[in-house]
Amino acid sequence: MHTHNDYKNDTELSRESSARLMRIATYVAVGVAGTLVSLKFFAWLSTDSVSLLSTMIDSLLDVAASTVNLFAIRHALQPADEEHRFGHGKAEALAGLAQAAFISGSAVFLVLEAIDRIFHPRVIDSFSLGYTVMVISIVATMMLVAFQRYVAKKTGSLAIAADSAHYKMDVLVNISVIVSLFLVSEWGWGIADPLFAVGIAFYILYGAYEIGREAYNVLMDRELPEEDRERIREIAVSHKDVIDIHDLRTRSSGSNMFIQLHLEMDPEITLVRAHDIAEEVMHMIEKEFPRAEVLTHQDPHGIDERVAFDN
């Protein structure tokens, strides 16, 4: 699972461009997943492979998860209003939690189905069709993952990043199904089919945990990664008139970041100059973090020591 920092946008996009790119990504994901469900369903009916069934169910859940993403991102992209001053970005994190729930449910179903198949083996046939469908699935999913990673990098969207992460898992799942079909068809290892399905299920559960954890961190306003916080400190103190900073607070909401910090300056400068310095630092940070909203507070250097002395 990638952190928010992994998808920090390297090129500043306008909000309109980011919104359009994110919407396109959700439509493409739903379309690809829906197409793969149809192909895998037909292949499963022809082969009766439980590992192929497992990847079909996974794709079915992909459709549901990507559809949730579609509506969540549409809501998250709504501008801030009087009742939601910080915007609606956390709708993306809620979509991530929904994805984790969907994926976990599919994994549990696969384990139960695989256990039943271990004790009640069935004949698998039409291997060539199964191979063909899985190769198509791998190519289509890899193209989708590449596009989603591009969108996530440009927009910083948590929901798109989470979607990309679990489609990346799908590539590995599809490859494992091909291996399973090969072991059954060439070596007659019928037990490989349900065993691979169990392995896929536990891998899916791990992916659900990673997606859910990242979404939980956003909902709980967890601080940005330490490397981002250190970079913010470096930028602020690089200004020749900033002596130090304190009370740095950060969080993310959807593709947006919120950064607050106190700047310590020469206590003898004018209020106007302090204001100008704060504005300059704010723009410096926003240049490095284009999707951030930066709030600064000006403090005279040494004020903490003087307050402690007076008390």
Protein backbone atom coordinates (compact mmCIF):
# COMPACT_ATOMS: atom_id res chain seq x y z
CA MET A 1 0.00 0.00 0.00
CA HIS A 2 1.35 3.38 -0.92
CA THR A 3 1.44 6.30 1.45
CA HIS A 4 0.08 9.68 0.65
CA ASN A 5 3.65 10.87 0.19
CA ASP A 6 4.22 8.34 -2.60
CA TYR A 7 1.54 10.03 -4.65
CA LYS A 8 2.47 13.64 -3.89
CA ASN A 9 1.79 15.51 -7.14
CA ASP A 10 4.97 16.53 -8.91
CA THR A 11 3.24 18.95 -11.25
CA GLU A 12 0.73 21.50 -10.06
CA LEU A 13 -2.61 20.99 -11.76
CA SER A 14 -5.58 23.30 -11.61
CA ARG A 15 -8.47 22.02 -9.52
CA GLU A 16 -10.51 21.64 -12.71
CA SER A 17 -7.82 19.52 -14.38
CA SER A 18 -7.38 17.36 -11.27
CA ALA A 19 -11.12 16.84 -10.96
CA ARG A 20 -11.46 15.87 -14.62
CA LEU A 21 -8.54 13.44 -14.40
CA MET A 22 -9.94 11.81 -11.25
CA ARG A 23 -13.40 11.41 -12.78
CA ILE A 24 -11.96 9.82 -15.93
CA ALA A 25 -9.96 7.39 -13.78
CA THR A 26 -13.10 6.24 -11.95
CA TYR A 27 -15.05 5.72 -15.19
CA VAL A 28 -12.19 3.73 -16.73
CA ALA A 29 -11.87 1.55 -13.60
CA VAL A 30 -15.58 0.68 -13.56
CA GLY A 31 -15.54 -0.04 -17.30
CA VAL A 32 -12.48 -2.31 -17.18
CA ALA A 33 -13.68 -4.19 -14.08
CA GLY A 34 -17.14 -4.71 -15.57
CA THR A 35 -15.69 -6.09 -18.81
CA LEU A 36 -13.41 -8.50 -16.92
CA VAL A 37 -16.30 -9.78 -14.79
CA SER A 38 -18.17 -10.77 -17.96
CA LEU A 39 -15.14 -12.52 -19.45
CA LYS A 40 -14.26 -14.37 -16.23
CA PHE A 41 -17.86 -15.42 -15.63
CA PHE A 42 -17.98 -17.05 -19.05
CA ALA A 43 -14.58 -18.69 -18.47
CA TRP A 44 -15.62 -19.98 -15.03
CA LEU A 45 -18.79 -21.57 -16.46
CA SER A 46 -16.63 -23.30 -19.06
CA THR A 47 -13.82 -24.49 -16.75
CA ASP A 48 -15.49 -24.84 -13.32
CA SER A 49 -12.19 -23.71 -11.77
CA VAL A 50 -12.54 -22.37 -8.22
CA SER A 51 -9.38 -20.27 -8.59
CA LEU A 52 -10.92 -18.70 -11.69
CA LEU A 53 -14.12 -18.21 -9.72
CA SER A 54 -12.06 -16.46 -7.06
CA THR A 55 -10.66 -13.94 -9.50
CA MET A 56 -14.12 -13.41 -11.04
CA ILE A 57 -15.52 -12.59 -7.60
CA ASP A 58 -12.56 -10.32 -6.98
CA SER A 59 -13.37 -8.46 -10.21
CA LEU A 60 -17.04 -8.28 -9.20
CA LEU A 61 -15.98 -6.64 -5.97
CA ASP A 62 -13.73 -4.35 -8.00
CA VAL A 63 -16.80 -3.10 -9.84
CA ALA A 64 -18.55 -2.39 -6.55
CA ALA A 65 -15.49 -0.73 -5.01
CA SER A 66 -14.77 1.39 -8.08
CA THR A 67 -18.41 2.42 -8.26
CA VAL A 68 -18.24 3.55 -4.63
CA ASN A 69 -15.08 5.43 -5.58
CA LEU A 70 -16.86 7.11 -8.46
CA PHE A 71 -19.58 8.56 -6.25
CA ALA A 72 -17.20 9.32 -3.37
CA ILE A 73 -14.84 11.28 -5.61
CA ARG A 74 -17.72 13.23 -7.12
CA HIS A 75 -18.70 14.20 -3.58
CA ALA A 76 -15.12 14.88 -2.46
CA LEU A 77 -14.56 17.26 -5.37
CA GLN A 78 -17.35 19.56 -4.27
CA PRO A 79 -15.92 22.88 -3.08
CA ALA A 80 -15.92 23.87 0.58
CA ASP A 81 -19.15 25.40 1.82
CA GLU A 82 -20.49 27.02 4.99
CA GLU A 83 -21.07 23.65 6.66
CA HIS A 84 -17.84 22.02 5.44
CA ARG A 85 -15.12 24.66 5.67
CA PHE A 86 -12.37 22.14 4.97
CA GLY A 87 -14.12 20.68 1.94
CA HIS A 88 -15.44 17.15 1.39
CA GLY A 89 -12.14 15.34 0.84
CA LYS A 90 -12.71 12.75 3.57
CA ALA A 91 -15.34 11.15 1.36
CA GLU A 92 -12.35 9.54 -0.37
CA ALA A 93 -11.21 7.94 2.88
CA LEU A 94 -14.73 6.63 3.49
CA ALA A 95 -14.60 5.09 0.02
CA GLY A 96 -11.32 3.44 1.04
CA LEU A 97 -12.96 1.88 4.08
CA ALA A 98 -15.83 0.66 1.91
CA GLN A 99 -13.30 -0.92 -0.47
CA ALA A 100 -11.63 -2.69 2.46
CA ALA A 101 -15.00 -4.07 3.58
CA PHE A 102 -15.90 -5.26 0.08
CA ILE A 103 -12.55 -6.94 -0.42
CA SER A 104 -12.62 -8.63 3.01
CA GLY A 105 -16.06 -10.05 2.31
CA SER A 106 -14.92 -11.51 -1.00
CA ALA A 107 -11.86 -13.08 0.66
CA VAL A 108 -13.97 -14.84 3.29
CA PHE A 109 -16.28 -16.21 0.58
CA LEU A 110 -13.30 -17.52 -1.38
CA VAL A 111 -11.88 -19.34 1.64
CA LEU A 112 -15.20 -21.09 2.26
CA GLU A 113 -15.58 -22.02 -1.42
CA ALA A 114 -12.01 -23.32 -1.61
CA ILE A 115 -12.43 -25.44 1.54
CA ASP A 116 -15.57 -26.99 0.05
CA ARG A 117 -13.67 -27.73 -3.18
CA ILE A 118 -10.83 -29.43 -1.25
CA PHE A 119 -13.28 -31.93 0.23
CA HIS A 120 -15.45 -32.17 -2.90
CA PRO A 121 -13.09 -32.02 -5.94
CA ARG A 122 -14.48 -31.28 -9.39
CA VAL A 123 -13.11 -31.81 -12.88
CA ILE A 124 -11.63 -28.73 -14.54
CA ASP A 125 -11.62 -28.41 -18.33
CA SER A 126 -11.48 -25.79 -21.15
CA PHE A 127 -8.00 -24.77 -20.01
CA SER A 128 -7.19 -22.84 -23.19
CA LEU A 129 -10.17 -20.56 -22.62
CA GLY A 130 -9.10 -20.01 -19.02
CA TYR A 131 -5.56 -19.10 -20.12
CA THR A 132 -6.84 -16.68 -22.75
CA VAL A 133 -9.18 -14.87 -20.38
CA MET A 134 -6.53 -14.55 -17.68
CA VAL A 135 -3.93 -13.13 -20.11
CA ILE A 136 -6.49 -10.57 -21.31
CA SER A 137 -7.23 -9.75 -17.68
CA ILE A 138 -3.56 -9.24 -16.83
CA VAL A 139 -2.91 -6.92 -19.79
CA ALA A 140 -6.06 -4.85 -19.20
CA THR A 141 -5.42 -4.57 -15.45
CA MET A 142 -1.78 -3.55 -15.92
CA MET A 143 -2.84 -0.77 -18.28
CA LEU A 144 -5.46 0.37 -15.77
CA VAL A 145 -2.94 0.35 -12.89
CA ALA A 146 -0.46 2.42 -14.92
CA PHE A 147 -3.13 5.01 -15.68
CA GLN A 148 -4.36 5.12 -12.07
CA ARG A 149 -0.81 5.57 -10.75
CA TYR A 150 -0.37 8.48 -13.14
CA VAL A 151 -3.61 10.08 -11.95
CA ALA A 152 -2.79 9.48 -8.27
CA LYS A 153 0.65 11.03 -8.71
CA LYS A 154 -0.74 14.09 -10.47
CA THR A 155 -3.69 14.66 -8.12
CA GLY A 156 -2.64 13.14 -4.79
CA SER A 157 -5.99 11.32 -4.59
CA LEU A 158 -6.15 8.71 -1.81
CA ALA A 159 -9.16 6.99 -3.37
CA ILE A 160 -7.46 6.58 -6.75
CA ALA A 161 -4.26 5.40 -5.02
CA ALA A 162 -6.25 2.79 -3.05
CA ASP A 163 -8.02 1.66 -6.22
CA SER A 164 -4.68 1.34 -7.98
CA ALA A 165 -3.26 -0.68 -5.08
CA HIS A 166 -5.96 -3.33 -5.18
CA TYR A 167 -5.94 -3.55 -8.99
CA LYS A 168 -2.19 -4.09 -8.71
CA MET A 169 -3.01 -7.04 -6.45
CA ASP A 170 -5.36 -8.30 -9.14
CA VAL A 171 -2.43 -8.62 -11.54
CA LEU A 172 -0.69 -10.99 -9.11
CA VAL A 173 -3.94 -12.83 -8.46
CA ASN A 174 -4.49 -13.37 -12.20
CA ILE A 175 -0.93 -14.65 -12.63
CA SER A 176 -1.45 -17.12 -9.78
CA VAL A 177 -4.62 -18.41 -11.46
CA ILE A 178 -2.63 -19.14 -14.64
CA VAL A 179 -0.09 -21.07 -12.55
CA SER A 180 -2.92 -22.98 -10.89
CA LEU A 181 -4.50 -23.91 -14.23
CA PHE A 182 -1.09 -25.05 -15.52
CA LEU A 183 -0.47 -27.31 -12.51
CA VAL A 184 -3.90 -28.89 -12.90
CA SER A 185 -3.77 -29.36 -16.68
CA GLU A 186 -0.12 -30.43 -17.10
CA TRP A 187 0.65 -32.24 -13.85
CA GLY A 188 -2.81 -33.26 -12.69
CA TRP A 189 -2.46 -31.48 -9.35
CA GLY A 190 -6.17 -30.90 -8.76
CA ILE A 191 -5.51 -29.77 -5.19
CA ALA A 192 -3.56 -26.79 -6.57
CA ASP A 193 -6.78 -25.08 -7.69
CA PRO A 194 -8.41 -24.67 -4.23
CA LEU A 195 -5.04 -24.13 -2.51
CA PHE A 196 -4.23 -21.25 -4.82
CA ALA A 197 -7.71 -19.86 -4.17
CA VAL A 198 -6.99 -19.87 -0.40
CA GLY A 199 -3.65 -18.14 -0.99
CA ILE A 200 -5.37 -15.52 -3.15
CA ALA A 201 -7.97 -14.97 -0.43
CA PHE A 202 -5.38 -14.26 2.25
CA TYR A 203 -3.48 -11.96 -0.09
CA ILE A 204 -6.71 -10.08 -0.73
CA LEU A 205 -7.28 -9.78 3.03
CA TYR A 206 -3.82 -8.27 3.44
CA GLY A 207 -4.60 -5.73 0.74
CA ALA A 208 -7.89 -4.87 2.45
CA TYR A 209 -6.01 -4.27 5.71
CA GLU A 210 -3.54 -1.92 4.01
CA ILE A 211 -6.29 0.07 2.28
CA GLY A 212 -8.37 0.25 5.46
CA ARG A 213 -5.40 1.38 7.56
CA GLU A 214 -4.57 4.24 5.19
CA ALA A 215 -8.21 5.38 5.10
CA TYR A 216 -8.42 5.19 8.91
CA ASN A 217 -5.30 7.35 9.25
CA VAL A 218 -6.85 10.04 7.05
CA LEU A 219 -10.15 9.97 8.93
CA MET A 220 -8.27 10.28 12.23
CA ASP A 221 -6.24 13.26 10.93
CA ARG A 222 -2.91 11.50 11.20
CA GLU A 223 0.11 13.69 10.59
CA LEU A 224 1.77 13.65 7.16
CA PRO A 225 4.82 11.38 6.80
CA GLU A 226 7.86 12.59 8.73
CA GLU A 227 9.80 13.30 5.54
CA ASP A 228 7.07 15.73 4.48
CA ARG A 229 7.05 17.40 7.89
CA GLU A 230 10.85 17.73 7.83
CA ARG A 231 10.68 19.27 4.36
CA ILE A 232 8.14 21.81 5.62
CA ARG A 233 10.50 22.74 8.47
CA GLU A 234 13.40 23.11 6.06
CA ILE A 235 11.42 25.37 3.75
CA ALA A 236 10.20 27.60 6.59
CA VAL A 237 13.57 28.13 8.28
CA SER A 238 15.27 28.66 4.92
CA HIS A 239 13.68 32.12 4.86
CA LYS A 240 16.33 34.56 6.06
CA ASP A 241 13.94 36.26 8.50
CA VAL A 242 12.57 33.10 10.14
CA ILE A 243 14.61 32.11 13.19
CA ASP A 244 12.72 28.91 14.02
CA ILE A 245 9.28 27.27 13.89
CA HIS A 246 7.10 25.39 16.38
CA ASP A 247 3.63 23.81 16.70
CA LEU A 248 3.73 22.30 13.21
CA ARG A 249 0.46 20.47 12.56
CA THR A 250 -0.45 18.64 9.36
CA ARG A 251 -3.17 16.41 8.01
CA SER A 252 -4.66 15.32 4.69
CA SER A 253 -8.20 15.18 3.38
CA GLY A 254 -8.68 13.56 0.01
CA SER A 255 -6.14 15.09 -2.37
CA ASN A 256 -5.73 18.17 -0.16
CA MET A 257 -3.28 18.82 2.67
CA PHE A 258 -3.65 21.22 5.59
CA ILE A 259 -0.50 22.65 7.17
CA GLN A 260 -0.34 24.90 10.24
CA LEU A 261 2.79 26.26 11.88
CA HIS A 262 4.10 29.09 14.07
CA LEU A 263 6.98 31.17 12.73
CA GLU A 264 9.47 32.68 15.18
CA MET A 265 10.86 36.06 14.09
CA ASP A 266 12.85 39.01 15.40
CA PRO A 267 10.64 40.63 18.07
CA GLU A 268 11.74 44.11 16.91
CA ILE A 269 10.31 43.96 13.36
CA THR A 270 7.03 45.66 12.48
CA LEU A 271 3.72 43.84 12.30
CA VAL A 272 3.56 44.62 8.58
CA ARG A 273 6.95 43.02 7.98
CA ALA A 274 5.98 39.96 10.05
CA HIS A 275 2.87 39.62 7.91
CA ASP A 276 4.91 39.84 4.70
CA ILE A 277 7.36 37.19 5.94
CA ALA A 278 4.50 34.86 6.82
CA GLU A 279 3.00 35.32 3.34
CA GLU A 280 6.36 34.59 1.71
CA VAL A 281 6.82 31.40 3.75
CA MET A 282 3.28 30.31 2.96
CA HIS A 283 3.91 30.65 -0.79
CA MET A 284 7.24 28.80 -0.47
CA ILE A 285 5.51 25.84 1.19
CA GLU A 286 2.61 25.86 -1.25
CA LYS A 287 5.07 25.77 -4.16
CA GLU A 288 6.49 22.50 -2.78
CA PHE A 289 3.05 21.15 -1.79
CA PRO A 290 0.69 22.54 -4.47
CA ARG A 291 -2.49 21.00 -3.00
CA ALA A 292 -1.83 22.29 0.51
CA GLU A 293 -3.68 24.98 2.41
CA VAL A 294 -1.09 26.66 4.66
CA LEU A 295 -1.93 28.65 7.79
CA THR A 296 0.88 30.50 9.57
CA HIS A 297 1.06 32.32 12.91
CA GLN A 298 3.73 34.91 13.71
CA ASP A 299 5.51 34.74 17.08
CA PRO A 300 8.39 36.90 18.40
CA HIS A 301 11.44 34.71 18.96
CA GLY A 302 11.97 33.93 22.64
CA ILE A 303 8.37 34.62 23.68
CA ASP A 304 8.10 31.18 25.34
CA GLU A 305 11.09 31.89 27.56
CA ARG A 306 9.72 35.30 28.54
CA VAL A 307 6.30 33.88 29.39
CA ALA A 308 7.93 31.17 31.54
CA PHE A 309 10.06 33.81 33.30
CA ASP A 310 7.07 36.07 34.01
CA ASN A 311 5.14 33.18 35.50
